[in-house]
């Protein structure tokens, strides 16, 4: 846990330096003047909208656990496990959120290999939802639809790789041929089967709809923050640039998309949204605090509550009896053990 904390603090330091550079670039006097007349209730509203997003994404987590036949995890515990993954939101592509699978394994005995593919399925449906939001936002100006076409191509490529069995079988055969790699083959096979179950077209509709609403809330959060500066930026433009910046930050292998997401947000608001440098930079920073760093804070709070709930959690000592007892899972995805 100490190493995780050091990693998050390091990324936070990078973020502080990065935002400082943005302030210098945009002009600290202009930003100061913008913040002096900013209506701060809009920032509180943005935090609320981001929190609503977490609620919709938790419903996705529950939906996927149900698809995989994981039963017996109390809803409050499941919520804490889900939120604990936000601690590593600032990892490249948010892959650190697989941490919640390890947490569920430690606290409820659910094999991590069974639930780890949920993170990939979550990212997949998130990307689809973000592209839908880009399409919606692209109606606000000419040329926006090109981004949606490119993003759709990436999504279709990813779905093909997941659902087409040949690449996965080739990887399994390669692992089985190496004496040191053989031990990874069973876990990879289990993970691939779970991932295929979660990525079936029939399994994508509900979580994608939840993602559209959830991430849409964060797009609205950016617009609300902009209204606090009386920027006059159209709603569709705000949603478009939030979604585009989020997608770019997820694709680029940088912690939390730092640098990429901020640049697209700020430059887009200035060049195409018609927002002045000062309010655009201040809006970008406040949006990132509301939609990125707030998640990290929520994750640490959830982790602290889990630590109190399961005293042996994150220690070498054994967990309490109720935590050591395996949660009802399945031998085959969707079929309870019986």
C-alpha atoms as a PDB file:
ATOM      1  CA  UNK A   1       0.000   0.000   0.000  1.00  0.00           C
ATOM      2  CA  UNK A   2       2.893   2.342   0.741  1.00  0.00           C
ATOM      3  CA  UNK A   3       4.230   1.905  -2.792  1.00  0.00           C
ATOM      4  CA  UNK A   4       0.755   2.632  -4.204  1.00  0.00           C
ATOM      5  CA  UNK A   5       0.529   5.800  -2.129  1.00  0.00           C
ATOM      6  CA  UNK A   6       3.984   6.920  -3.277  1.00  0.00           C
ATOM      7  CA  UNK A   7       2.972   6.317  -6.902  1.00  0.00           C
ATOM      8  CA  UNK A   8      -0.230   8.341  -6.567  1.00  0.00           C
ATOM      9  CA  UNK A   9       1.592  11.175  -4.788  1.00  0.00           C
ATOM     10  CA  UNK A  10       4.210  11.219  -7.555  1.00  0.00           C
ATOM     11  CA  UNK A  11       1.520  11.547 -10.215  1.00  0.00           C
ATOM     12  CA  UNK A  12      -0.187  14.264  -8.164  1.00  0.00           C
ATOM     13  CA  UNK A  13       3.098  16.172  -8.063  1.00  0.00           C
ATOM     14  CA  UNK A  14       3.390  15.852 -11.833  1.00  0.00           C
ATOM     15  CA  UNK A  15      -0.170  17.152 -12.102  1.00  0.00           C
ATOM     16  CA  UNK A  16       0.605  20.179  -9.915  1.00  0.00           C
ATOM     17  CA  UNK A  17       3.634  21.031 -12.064  1.00  0.00           C
ATOM     18  CA  UNK A  18       1.632  20.519 -15.243  1.00  0.00           C
ATOM     19  CA  UNK A  19      -1.232  22.753 -14.101  1.00  0.00           C
ATOM     20  CA  UNK A  20       1.298  25.349 -12.986  1.00  0.00           C
ATOM     21  CA  UNK A  21       2.737  25.404 -16.494  1.00  0.00           C
ATOM     22  CA  UNK A  22      -0.752  25.828 -17.932  1.00  0.00           C
ATOM     23  CA  UNK A  23      -1.332  28.768 -15.593  1.00  0.00           C
ATOM     24  CA  UNK A  24       1.930  30.406 -16.668  1.00  0.00           C
ATOM     25  CA  UNK A  25       1.078  29.824 -20.320  1.00  0.00           C
ATOM     26  CA  UNK A  26      -2.418  31.259 -20.034  1.00  0.00           C
ATOM     27  CA  UNK A  27      -1.409  34.093 -17.700  1.00  0.00           C
ATOM     28  CA  UNK A  28      -1.902  33.860 -13.969  1.00  0.00           C
ATOM     29  CA  UNK A  29      -3.440  37.352 -13.790  1.00  0.00           C
ATOM     30  CA  UNK A  30      -6.161  36.385 -16.277  1.00  0.00           C
ATOM     31  CA  UNK A  31      -6.844  33.137 -14.420  1.00  0.00           C
ATOM     32  CA  UNK A  32      -6.878  34.931 -11.064  1.00  0.00           C
ATOM     33  CA  UNK A  33      -9.351  37.463 -12.392  1.00  0.00           C
ATOM     34  CA  UNK A  34     -11.540  34.658 -13.753  1.00  0.00           C
ATOM     35  CA  UNK A  35     -11.534  32.778 -10.441  1.00  0.00           C
ATOM     36  CA  UNK A  36     -12.295  35.984  -8.519  1.00  0.00           C
ATOM     37  CA  UNK A  37     -15.695  36.234 -10.172  1.00  0.00           C
ATOM     38  CA  UNK A  38     -16.279  32.484 -10.505  1.00  0.00           C
ATOM     39  CA  UNK A  39     -19.493  31.083  -9.014  1.00  0.00           C
ATOM     40  CA  UNK A  40     -18.117  28.279  -6.840  1.00  0.00           C
ATOM     41  CA  UNK A  41     -21.447  26.540  -6.395  1.00  0.00           C
ATOM     42  CA  UNK A  42     -21.004  25.285  -9.952  1.00  0.00           C
ATOM     43  CA  UNK A  43     -17.848  23.429  -8.875  1.00  0.00           C
ATOM     44  CA  UNK A  44     -19.805  21.767  -6.051  1.00  0.00           C
ATOM     45  CA  UNK A  45     -22.449  20.803  -8.629  1.00  0.00           C
ATOM     46  CA  UNK A  46     -19.705  19.330 -10.851  1.00  0.00           C
ATOM     47  CA  UNK A  47     -18.463  17.201  -7.941  1.00  0.00           C
ATOM     48  CA  UNK A  48     -22.021  15.962  -7.457  1.00  0.00           C
ATOM     49  CA  UNK A  49     -22.362  15.071 -11.136  1.00  0.00           C
ATOM     50  CA  UNK A  50     -19.040  13.191 -11.073  1.00  0.00           C
ATOM     51  CA  UNK A  51     -20.268  11.258  -8.033  1.00  0.00           C
ATOM     52  CA  UNK A  52     -23.472  10.356  -9.891  1.00  0.00           C
ATOM     53  CA  UNK A  53     -21.220   8.938 -12.623  1.00  0.00           C
ATOM     54  CA  UNK A  54     -19.627   6.632 -10.042  1.00  0.00           C
ATOM     55  CA  UNK A  55     -23.108   5.402  -9.125  1.00  0.00           C
ATOM     56  CA  UNK A  56     -23.923   4.417 -12.700  1.00  0.00           C
ATOM     57  CA  UNK A  57     -20.539   2.743 -13.118  1.00  0.00           C
ATOM     58  CA  UNK A  58     -21.144   0.782  -9.905  1.00  0.00           C
ATOM     59  CA  UNK A  59     -24.350  -0.533 -11.465  1.00  0.00           C
ATOM     60  CA  UNK A  60     -22.177  -1.773 -14.339  1.00  0.00           C
ATOM     61  CA  UNK A  61     -19.852  -3.519 -11.887  1.00  0.00           C
ATOM     62  CA  UNK A  62     -22.841  -5.250 -10.288  1.00  0.00           C
ATOM     63  CA  UNK A  63     -24.190  -6.210 -13.707  1.00  0.00           C
ATOM     64  CA  UNK A  64     -20.880  -7.841 -14.672  1.00  0.00           C
ATOM     65  CA  UNK A  65     -20.591  -9.680 -11.347  1.00  0.00           C
ATOM     66  CA  UNK A  66     -24.048 -11.080 -12.021  1.00  0.00           C
ATOM     67  CA  UNK A  67     -23.061 -12.202 -15.525  1.00  0.00           C
ATOM     68  CA  UNK A  68     -20.071 -14.043 -14.098  1.00  0.00           C
ATOM     69  CA  UNK A  69     -22.195 -15.727 -11.427  1.00  0.00           C
ATOM     70  CA  UNK A  70     -20.487 -14.065  -8.452  1.00  0.00           C
ATOM     71  CA  UNK A  71     -22.958 -14.136  -5.584  1.00  0.00           C
ATOM     72  CA  UNK A  72     -22.969 -13.414  -1.867  1.00  0.00           C
ATOM     73  CA  UNK A  73     -21.099 -10.078  -1.840  1.00  0.00           C
ATOM     74  CA  UNK A  74     -23.126  -7.588   0.184  1.00  0.00           C
ATOM     75  CA  UNK A  75     -23.974  -4.454  -1.797  1.00  0.00           C
ATOM     76  CA  UNK A  76     -22.200  -2.055   0.637  1.00  0.00           C
ATOM     77  CA  UNK A  77     -19.046  -4.199   0.482  1.00  0.00           C
ATOM     78  CA  UNK A  78     -19.296  -4.436  -3.296  1.00  0.00           C
ATOM     79  CA  UNK A  79     -19.593  -0.646  -3.517  1.00  0.00           C
ATOM     80  CA  UNK A  80     -16.499  -0.176  -1.351  1.00  0.00           C
ATOM     81  CA  UNK A  81     -14.551  -2.693  -3.442  1.00  0.00           C
ATOM     82  CA  UNK A  82     -15.599  -0.910  -6.625  1.00  0.00           C
ATOM     83  CA  UNK A  83     -14.688   2.538  -5.330  1.00  0.00           C
ATOM     84  CA  UNK A  84     -11.327   1.299  -4.032  1.00  0.00           C
ATOM     85  CA  UNK A  85     -10.257   0.828  -7.652  1.00  0.00           C
ATOM     86  CA  UNK A  86     -10.323   4.619  -8.048  1.00  0.00           C
ATOM     87  CA  UNK A  87      -7.128   4.795  -6.005  1.00  0.00           C
ATOM     88  CA  UNK A  88      -5.267   3.818  -9.174  1.00  0.00           C
ATOM     89  CA  UNK A  89      -7.336   5.926 -11.556  1.00  0.00           C
ATOM     90  CA  UNK A  90      -4.140   7.786 -12.418  1.00  0.00           C
ATOM     91  CA  UNK A  91      -2.537   4.699 -13.964  1.00  0.00           C
ATOM     92  CA  UNK A  92      -2.141   4.510 -17.771  1.00  0.00           C
ATOM     93  CA  UNK A  93      -5.489   3.623 -19.366  1.00  0.00           C
ATOM     94  CA  UNK A  94      -6.838   3.137 -15.792  1.00  0.00           C
ATOM     95  CA  UNK A  95      -5.594  -0.441 -15.925  1.00  0.00           C
ATOM     96  CA  UNK A  96      -4.738  -0.097 -12.242  1.00  0.00           C
ATOM     97  CA  UNK A  97      -8.451  -0.438 -11.538  1.00  0.00           C
ATOM     98  CA  UNK A  98      -7.870  -4.205 -11.774  1.00  0.00           C
ATOM     99  CA  UNK A  99      -6.801  -3.571  -8.180  1.00  0.00           C
ATOM    100  CA  UNK A 100     -10.461  -3.985  -7.205  1.00  0.00           C
ATOM    101  CA  UNK A 101     -10.338  -7.597  -8.409  1.00  0.00           C
ATOM    102  CA  UNK A 102      -7.452  -8.206  -6.008  1.00  0.00           C
ATOM    103  CA  UNK A 103      -9.423  -6.470  -3.254  1.00  0.00           C
ATOM    104  CA  UNK A 104     -12.485  -8.654  -3.926  1.00  0.00           C
ATOM    105  CA  UNK A 105     -10.249 -11.728  -3.859  1.00  0.00           C
ATOM    106  CA  UNK A 106      -8.710 -10.779  -0.508  1.00  0.00           C
ATOM    107  CA  UNK A 107     -11.939  -9.741   1.185  1.00  0.00           C
ATOM    108  CA  UNK A 108     -14.416 -12.275  -0.239  1.00  0.00           C
ATOM    109  CA  UNK A 109     -12.367 -15.086  -1.771  1.00  0.00           C
ATOM    110  CA  UNK A 110     -13.495 -14.484  -5.372  1.00  0.00           C
ATOM    111  CA  UNK A 111     -10.659 -15.522  -7.739  1.00  0.00           C
ATOM    112  CA  UNK A 112      -9.067 -12.430  -9.265  1.00  0.00           C
ATOM    113  CA  UNK A 113      -8.715 -14.159 -12.642  1.00  0.00           C
ATOM    114  CA  UNK A 114     -12.503 -14.461 -12.794  1.00  0.00           C
ATOM    115  CA  UNK A 115     -13.263 -10.754 -12.241  1.00  0.00           C
ATOM    116  CA  UNK A 116     -10.167  -9.066 -13.740  1.00  0.00           C
ATOM    117  CA  UNK A 117     -11.699  -9.107 -17.268  1.00  0.00           C
ATOM    118  CA  UNK A 118     -14.451  -6.841 -15.922  1.00  0.00           C
ATOM    119  CA  UNK A 119     -11.942  -3.979 -16.065  1.00  0.00           C
ATOM    120  CA  UNK A 120     -11.409  -4.576 -19.800  1.00  0.00           C
ATOM    121  CA  UNK A 121     -15.175  -4.826 -20.377  1.00  0.00           C
ATOM    122  CA  UNK A 122     -15.680  -1.611 -18.398  1.00  0.00           C
ATOM    123  CA  UNK A 123     -13.106   0.214 -20.512  1.00  0.00           C
ATOM    124  CA  UNK A 124     -14.666  -1.157 -23.699  1.00  0.00           C
ATOM    125  CA  UNK A 125     -18.181   0.024 -22.846  1.00  0.00           C
ATOM    126  CA  UNK A 126     -16.761   3.321 -21.583  1.00  0.00           C
ATOM    127  CA  UNK A 127     -15.047   3.891 -24.930  1.00  0.00           C
ATOM    128  CA  UNK A 128     -18.243   3.068 -26.828  1.00  0.00           C
ATOM    129  CA  UNK A 129     -20.161   5.491 -24.601  1.00  0.00           C
ATOM    130  CA  UNK A 130     -17.550   8.223 -25.049  1.00  0.00           C
ATOM    131  CA  UNK A 131     -17.776   7.846 -28.837  1.00  0.00           C
ATOM    132  CA  UNK A 132     -21.567   8.162 -28.615  1.00  0.00           C
ATOM    133  CA  UNK A 133     -21.090  11.384 -26.629  1.00  0.00           C
ATOM    134  CA  UNK A 134     -18.590  12.623 -29.240  1.00  0.00           C
ATOM    135  CA  UNK A 135     -21.158  11.980 -31.956  1.00  0.00           C
ATOM    136  CA  UNK A 136     -23.773  13.906 -29.953  1.00  0.00           C
ATOM    137  CA  UNK A 137     -21.366  16.760 -29.276  1.00  0.00           C
ATOM    138  CA  UNK A 138     -20.096  16.856 -32.859  1.00  0.00           C
ATOM    139  CA  UNK A 139     -23.431  18.351 -33.882  1.00  0.00           C
ATOM    140  CA  UNK A 140     -22.174  21.568 -32.293  1.00  0.00           C
ATOM    141  CA  UNK A 141     -19.614  22.353 -35.033  1.00  0.00           C
ATOM    142  CA  UNK A 142     -18.282  21.168 -38.375  1.00  0.00           C
ATOM    143  CA  UNK A 143     -15.595  18.478 -38.476  1.00  0.00           C
ATOM    144  CA  UNK A 144     -16.398  16.853 -35.150  1.00  0.00           C
ATOM    145  CA  UNK A 145     -17.787  13.702 -36.737  1.00  0.00           C
ATOM    146  CA  UNK A 146     -14.328  12.681 -38.016  1.00  0.00           C
ATOM    147  CA  UNK A 147     -13.251  11.947 -34.431  1.00  0.00           C
ATOM    148  CA  UNK A 148     -16.252   9.684 -33.960  1.00  0.00           C
ATOM    149  CA  UNK A 149     -15.424   7.669 -37.100  1.00  0.00           C
ATOM    150  CA  UNK A 150     -11.819   7.071 -35.954  1.00  0.00           C
ATOM    151  CA  UNK A 151     -12.926   6.068 -32.463  1.00  0.00           C
ATOM    152  CA  UNK A 152     -15.559   3.693 -33.794  1.00  0.00           C
ATOM    153  CA  UNK A 153     -12.890   1.948 -35.864  1.00  0.00           C
ATOM    154  CA  UNK A 154     -10.771   1.340 -32.765  1.00  0.00           C
ATOM    155  CA  UNK A 155     -13.748  -0.074 -30.860  1.00  0.00           C
ATOM    156  CA  UNK A 156     -14.661  -2.488 -33.656  1.00  0.00           C
ATOM    157  CA  UNK A 157     -11.029  -3.634 -33.868  1.00  0.00           C
ATOM    158  CA  UNK A 158     -10.955  -4.322 -30.123  1.00  0.00           C
ATOM    159  CA  UNK A 159     -14.238  -6.237 -30.203  1.00  0.00           C
ATOM    160  CA  UNK A 160     -12.998  -8.387 -33.084  1.00  0.00           C
ATOM    161  CA  UNK A 161      -9.836  -9.292 -31.173  1.00  0.00           C
ATOM    162  CA  UNK A 162     -11.802 -10.224 -28.043  1.00  0.00           C
ATOM    163  CA  UNK A 163     -14.580 -12.255 -29.691  1.00  0.00           C
ATOM    164  CA  UNK A 164     -12.410 -13.985 -32.325  1.00  0.00           C
ATOM    165  CA  UNK A 165     -11.071 -17.109 -30.611  1.00  0.00           C
ATOM    166  CA  UNK A 166      -8.017 -17.689 -32.821  1.00  0.00           C
ATOM    167  CA  UNK A 167      -5.706 -15.028 -31.270  1.00  0.00           C
ATOM    168  CA  UNK A 168      -6.487 -16.203 -27.739  1.00  0.00           C
ATOM    169  CA  UNK A 169      -5.926 -19.857 -28.595  1.00  0.00           C
ATOM    170  CA  UNK A 170      -2.620 -19.002 -30.233  1.00  0.00           C
ATOM    171  CA  UNK A 171      -1.522 -17.162 -27.075  1.00  0.00           C
ATOM    172  CA  UNK A 172      -2.513 -20.148 -24.911  1.00  0.00           C
ATOM    173  CA  UNK A 173      -0.554 -22.595 -27.089  1.00  0.00           C
ATOM    174  CA  UNK A 174       2.489 -20.318 -26.898  1.00  0.00           C
ATOM    175  CA  UNK A 175       2.269 -20.213 -23.100  1.00  0.00           C
ATOM    176  CA  UNK A 176       1.887 -23.983 -22.809  1.00  0.00           C
ATOM    177  CA  UNK A 177       5.067 -24.591 -24.826  1.00  0.00           C
ATOM    178  CA  UNK A 178       7.276 -22.811 -22.289  1.00  0.00           C
ATOM    179  CA  UNK A 179       7.965 -24.540 -18.957  1.00  0.00           C
ATOM    180  CA  UNK A 180       8.109 -21.210 -17.139  1.00  0.00           C
ATOM    181  CA  UNK A 181       5.040 -19.843 -18.907  1.00  0.00           C
ATOM    182  CA  UNK A 182       2.773 -22.856 -18.436  1.00  0.00           C
ATOM    183  CA  UNK A 183       1.502 -21.716 -15.053  1.00  0.00           C
ATOM    184  CA  UNK A 184      -0.067 -18.619 -16.634  1.00  0.00           C
ATOM    185  CA  UNK A 185      -2.079 -20.557 -19.233  1.00  0.00           C
ATOM    186  CA  UNK A 186      -5.012 -21.681 -16.998  1.00  0.00           C
ATOM    187  CA  UNK A 187      -5.549 -18.171 -15.600  1.00  0.00           C
ATOM    188  CA  UNK A 188      -5.366 -16.651 -19.080  1.00  0.00           C
ATOM    189  CA  UNK A 189      -7.863 -19.197 -20.406  1.00  0.00           C
ATOM    190  CA  UNK A 190     -10.281 -18.388 -17.569  1.00  0.00           C
ATOM    191  CA  UNK A 191      -9.837 -14.666 -18.123  1.00  0.00           C
ATOM    192  CA  UNK A 192     -10.450 -14.952 -21.867  1.00  0.00           C
ATOM    193  CA  UNK A 193     -13.649 -16.938 -21.366  1.00  0.00           C
ATOM    194  CA  UNK A 194     -14.935 -14.374 -18.871  1.00  0.00           C
ATOM    195  CA  UNK A 195     -13.999 -11.540 -21.214  1.00  0.00           C
ATOM    196  CA  UNK A 196     -15.805 -13.148 -24.151  1.00  0.00           C
ATOM    197  CA  UNK A 197     -18.909 -13.525 -22.006  1.00  0.00           C
ATOM    198  CA  UNK A 198     -18.772  -9.865 -20.996  1.00  0.00           C
ATOM    199  CA  UNK A 199     -18.073  -8.605 -24.530  1.00  0.00           C
ATOM    200  CA  UNK A 200     -20.892 -10.422 -26.307  1.00  0.00           C
ATOM    201  CA  UNK A 201     -23.189  -7.992 -28.139  1.00  0.00           C
ATOM    202  CA  UNK A 202     -26.090  -9.042 -25.890  1.00  0.00           C
ATOM    203  CA  UNK A 203     -23.965  -8.175 -22.834  1.00  0.00           C
ATOM    204  CA  UNK A 204     -22.901  -4.741 -24.108  1.00  0.00           C
ATOM    205  CA  UNK A 205     -26.257  -2.957 -24.337  1.00  0.00           C
ATOM    206  CA  UNK A 206     -27.038  -2.392 -20.639  1.00  0.00           C
ATOM    207  CA  UNK A 207     -23.513  -1.412 -19.468  1.00  0.00           C
ATOM    208  CA  UNK A 208     -23.018   0.839 -22.501  1.00  0.00           C
ATOM    209  CA  UNK A 209     -26.282   2.648 -21.731  1.00  0.00           C
ATOM    210  CA  UNK A 210     -25.147   3.084 -18.121  1.00  0.00           C
ATOM    211  CA  UNK A 211     -21.799   4.422 -19.356  1.00  0.00           C
ATOM    212  CA  UNK A 212     -23.462   6.937 -21.678  1.00  0.00           C
ATOM    213  CA  UNK A 213     -25.503   8.358 -18.810  1.00  0.00           C
ATOM    214  CA  UNK A 214     -22.604   8.203 -16.338  1.00  0.00           C
ATOM    215  CA  UNK A 215     -19.950   9.820 -18.525  1.00  0.00           C
ATOM    216  CA  UNK A 216     -22.585  12.196 -19.848  1.00  0.00           C
ATOM    217  CA  UNK A 217     -22.897  13.485 -16.283  1.00  0.00           C
ATOM    218  CA  UNK A 218     -19.208  14.378 -16.309  1.00  0.00           C
ATOM    219  CA  UNK A 219     -19.599  16.111 -19.673  1.00  0.00           C
ATOM    220  CA  UNK A 220     -22.415  18.132 -18.112  1.00  0.00           C
ATOM    221  CA  UNK A 221     -20.083  18.825 -15.163  1.00  0.00           C
ATOM    222  CA  UNK A 222     -17.624  20.539 -17.510  1.00  0.00           C
ATOM    223  CA  UNK A 223     -20.430  22.616 -19.004  1.00  0.00           C
ATOM    224  CA  UNK A 224     -21.653  23.594 -15.513  1.00  0.00           C
ATOM    225  CA  UNK A 225     -18.138  24.716 -14.574  1.00  0.00           C
ATOM    226  CA  UNK A 226     -17.955  26.794 -17.747  1.00  0.00           C
ATOM    227  CA  UNK A 227     -21.243  28.483 -16.867  1.00  0.00           C
ATOM    228  CA  UNK A 228     -19.640  29.532 -13.593  1.00  0.00           C
ATOM    229  CA  UNK A 229     -17.307  31.711 -15.673  1.00  0.00           C
ATOM    230  CA  UNK A 230     -20.118  32.991 -17.950  1.00  0.00           C
ATOM    231  CA  UNK A 231     -18.036  31.647 -20.824  1.00  0.00           C
ATOM    232  CA  UNK A 232     -20.933  31.261 -23.220  1.00  0.00           C
ATOM    233  CA  UNK A 233     -19.608  27.920 -24.519  1.00  0.00           C
ATOM    234  CA  UNK A 234     -22.419  25.854 -26.091  1.00  0.00           C
ATOM    235  CA  UNK A 235     -23.495  22.702 -24.257  1.00  0.00           C
ATOM    236  CA  UNK A 236     -22.722  20.408 -27.208  1.00  0.00           C
ATOM    237  CA  UNK A 237     -19.208  21.853 -27.562  1.00  0.00           C
ATOM    238  CA  UNK A 238     -18.449  21.314 -23.859  1.00  0.00           C
ATOM    239  CA  UNK A 239     -19.639  17.686 -24.014  1.00  0.00           C
ATOM    240  CA  UNK A 240     -17.694  17.093 -27.228  1.00  0.00           C
ATOM    241  CA  UNK A 241     -14.383  18.355 -25.890  1.00  0.00           C
ATOM    242  CA  UNK A 242     -14.790  16.590 -22.564  1.00  0.00           C
ATOM    243  CA  UNK A 243     -15.502  13.302 -24.345  1.00  0.00           C
ATOM    244  CA  UNK A 244     -12.729  13.777 -26.915  1.00  0.00           C
ATOM    245  CA  UNK A 245     -10.158  14.690 -24.275  1.00  0.00           C
ATOM    246  CA  UNK A 246     -11.208  11.725 -22.122  1.00  0.00           C
ATOM    247  CA  UNK A 247     -10.897   9.308 -25.039  1.00  0.00           C
ATOM    248  CA  UNK A 248      -7.457  10.647 -26.005  1.00  0.00           C
ATOM    249  CA  UNK A 249      -6.281  10.439 -22.389  1.00  0.00           C
ATOM    250  CA  UNK A 250      -7.425   6.808 -22.171  1.00  0.00           C
ATOM    251  CA  UNK A 251      -5.648   5.807 -25.387  1.00  0.00           C
ATOM    252  CA  UNK A 252      -2.305   7.477 -24.651  1.00  0.00           C
ATOM    253  CA  UNK A 253      -0.268   5.403 -22.129  1.00  0.00           C
ATOM    254  CA  UNK A 254       0.252   8.190 -19.601  1.00  0.00           C
ATOM    255  CA  UNK A 255      -0.898   8.214 -15.952  1.00  0.00           C
ATOM    256  CA  UNK A 256      -4.437   9.540 -15.944  1.00  0.00           C
ATOM    257  CA  UNK A 257      -3.892  10.888 -19.462  1.00  0.00           C
ATOM    258  CA  UNK A 258      -2.009  13.778 -17.843  1.00  0.00           C
ATOM    259  CA  UNK A 259      -0.953  16.407 -20.323  1.00  0.00           C
ATOM    260  CA  UNK A 260      -2.942  15.009 -23.238  1.00  0.00           C
ATOM    261  CA  UNK A 261      -6.426  15.377 -21.731  1.00  0.00           C
ATOM    262  CA  UNK A 262      -5.677  18.832 -20.341  1.00  0.00           C
ATOM    263  CA  UNK A 263      -4.241  20.135 -23.604  1.00  0.00           C
ATOM    264  CA  UNK A 264      -7.182  18.959 -25.709  1.00  0.00           C
ATOM    265  CA  UNK A 265      -9.674  20.424 -23.252  1.00  0.00           C
ATOM    266  CA  UNK A 266      -7.986  23.787 -23.008  1.00  0.00           C
ATOM    267  CA  UNK A 267      -7.011  24.243 -26.645  1.00  0.00           C
ATOM    268  CA  UNK A 268     -10.392  23.023 -27.852  1.00  0.00           C
ATOM    269  CA  UNK A 269     -12.256  25.488 -25.652  1.00  0.00           C
ATOM    270  CA  UNK A 270     -10.047  28.343 -26.865  1.00  0.00           C
ATOM    271  CA  UNK A 271      -9.795  27.535 -30.578  1.00  0.00           C
ATOM    272  CA  UNK A 272     -13.240  26.090 -31.307  1.00  0.00           C
ATOM    273  CA  UNK A 273     -15.317  26.976 -28.260  1.00  0.00           C
ATOM    274  CA  UNK A 274     -14.483  30.671 -28.314  1.00  0.00           C
ATOM    275  CA  UNK A 275     -13.528  30.737 -24.622  1.00  0.00           C
ATOM    276  CA  UNK A 276     -10.818  33.161 -23.478  1.00  0.00           C
ATOM    277  CA  UNK A 277      -7.465  31.734 -22.311  1.00  0.00           C
ATOM    278  CA  UNK A 278      -7.983  32.525 -18.627  1.00  0.00           C
ATOM    279  CA  UNK A 279     -11.462  30.998 -18.175  1.00  0.00           C
ATOM    280  CA  UNK A 280     -10.568  28.073 -20.480  1.00  0.00           C
ATOM    281  CA  UNK A 281      -7.505  27.125 -18.409  1.00  0.00           C
ATOM    282  CA  UNK A 282      -9.318  27.611 -15.099  1.00  0.00           C
ATOM    283  CA  UNK A 283     -12.279  25.546 -16.359  1.00  0.00           C
ATOM    284  CA  UNK A 284      -9.954  22.772 -17.484  1.00  0.00           C
ATOM    285  CA  UNK A 285      -8.190  22.620 -14.103  1.00  0.00           C
ATOM    286  CA  UNK A 286     -11.456  22.637 -12.135  1.00  0.00           C
ATOM    287  CA  UNK A 287     -12.922  19.987 -14.446  1.00  0.00           C
ATOM    288  CA  UNK A 288      -9.905  17.739 -13.890  1.00  0.00           C
ATOM    289  CA  UNK A 289     -10.165  18.198 -10.124  1.00  0.00           C
ATOM    290  CA  UNK A 290     -13.859  17.301 -10.249  1.00  0.00           C
ATOM    291  CA  UNK A 291     -13.566  14.336 -12.628  1.00  0.00           C
ATOM    292  CA  UNK A 292     -10.080  12.881 -11.979  1.00  0.00           C
ATOM    293  CA  UNK A 293      -8.659  13.845  -8.604  1.00  0.00           C
ATOM    294  CA  UNK A 294     -12.008  13.635  -6.810  1.00  0.00           C
ATOM    295  CA  UNK A 295     -12.149   9.975  -7.868  1.00  0.00           C
ATOM    296  CA  UNK A 296      -8.739   9.345  -6.272  1.00  0.00           C
ATOM    297  CA  UNK A 297      -9.948  10.919  -3.010  1.00  0.00           C
ATOM    298  CA  UNK A 298     -13.112   8.789  -3.063  1.00  0.00           C
ATOM    299  CA  UNK A 299     -10.982   5.697  -3.714  1.00  0.00           C
ATOM    300  CA  UNK A 300      -8.787   6.295  -0.679  1.00  0.00           C
ATOM    301  CA  UNK A 301     -11.833   6.885   1.538  1.00  0.00           C
ATOM    302  CA  UNK A 302     -13.368   3.597   0.343  1.00  0.00           C
ATOM    303  CA  UNK A 303     -10.079   1.805   0.943  1.00  0.00           C
ATOM    304  CA  UNK A 304      -9.922   3.163   4.494  1.00  0.00           C
ATOM    305  CA  UNK A 305     -13.470   1.964   5.209  1.00  0.00           C
ATOM    306  CA  UNK A 306     -12.639  -1.471   3.778  1.00  0.00           C
ATOM    307  CA  UNK A 307      -9.585  -1.585   6.001  1.00  0.00           C
ATOM    308  CA  UNK A 308     -11.790  -0.961   9.026  1.00  0.00           C
ATOM    309  CA  UNK A 309     -14.362  -3.487   7.783  1.00  0.00           C
ATOM    310  CA  UNK A 310     -11.741  -6.218   7.214  1.00  0.00           C
ATOM    311  CA  UNK A 311      -8.876  -5.673   9.707  1.00  0.00           C
ATOM    312  CA  UNK A 312      -6.646  -8.249   7.998  1.00  0.00           C
ATOM    313  CA  UNK A 313      -7.020  -6.580   4.607  1.00  0.00           C
ATOM    314  CA  UNK A 314      -3.694  -5.488   3.018  1.00  0.00           C
ATOM    315  CA  UNK A 315      -1.766  -7.376   5.722  1.00  0.00           C
ATOM    316  CA  UNK A 316       0.034 -10.676   5.722  1.00  0.00           C
ATOM    317  CA  UNK A 317      -2.127 -11.937   8.585  1.00  0.00           C
ATOM    318  CA  UNK A 318      -5.190 -14.011   7.826  1.00  0.00           C
ATOM    319  CA  UNK A 319      -8.451 -12.244   7.232  1.00  0.00           C
ATOM    320  CA  UNK A 320     -11.406 -12.725   9.561  1.00  0.00           C
ATOM    321  CA  UNK A 321     -13.449 -15.874   9.064  1.00  0.00           C
ATOM    322  CA  UNK A 322     -16.261 -14.104   7.202  1.00  0.00           C
ATOM    323  CA  UNK A 323     -13.719 -12.654   4.762  1.00  0.00           C
ATOM    324  CA  UNK A 324     -11.825 -15.931   4.266  1.00  0.00           C
ATOM    325  CA  UNK A 325     -14.988 -17.851   3.413  1.00  0.00           C
ATOM    326  CA  UNK A 326     -15.210 -17.959  -0.393  1.00  0.00           C
ATOM    327  CA  UNK A 327     -18.097 -16.098  -1.923  1.00  0.00           C
ATOM    328  CA  UNK A 328     -20.419 -18.202  -4.034  1.00  0.00           C
ATOM    329  CA  UNK A 329     -18.926 -18.179  -7.523  1.00  0.00           C
ATOM    330  CA  UNK A 330     -19.291 -20.432 -10.510  1.00  0.00           C
ATOM    331  CA  UNK A 331     -17.485 -23.237 -12.283  1.00  0.00           C
ATOM    332  CA  UNK A 332     -18.740 -21.855 -15.583  1.00  0.00           C
ATOM    333  CA  UNK A 333     -19.594 -18.182 -16.163  1.00  0.00           C
ATOM    334  CA  UNK A 334     -23.272 -17.609 -15.437  1.00  0.00           C
ATOM    335  CA  UNK A 335     -23.812 -21.038 -13.782  1.00  0.00           C
ATOM    336  CA  UNK A 336     -23.763 -21.120  -9.942  1.00  0.00           C
ATOM    337  CA  UNK A 337     -21.892 -23.899  -8.219  1.00  0.00           C
ATOM    338  CA  UNK A 338     -24.377 -26.446  -7.049  1.00  0.00           C
END
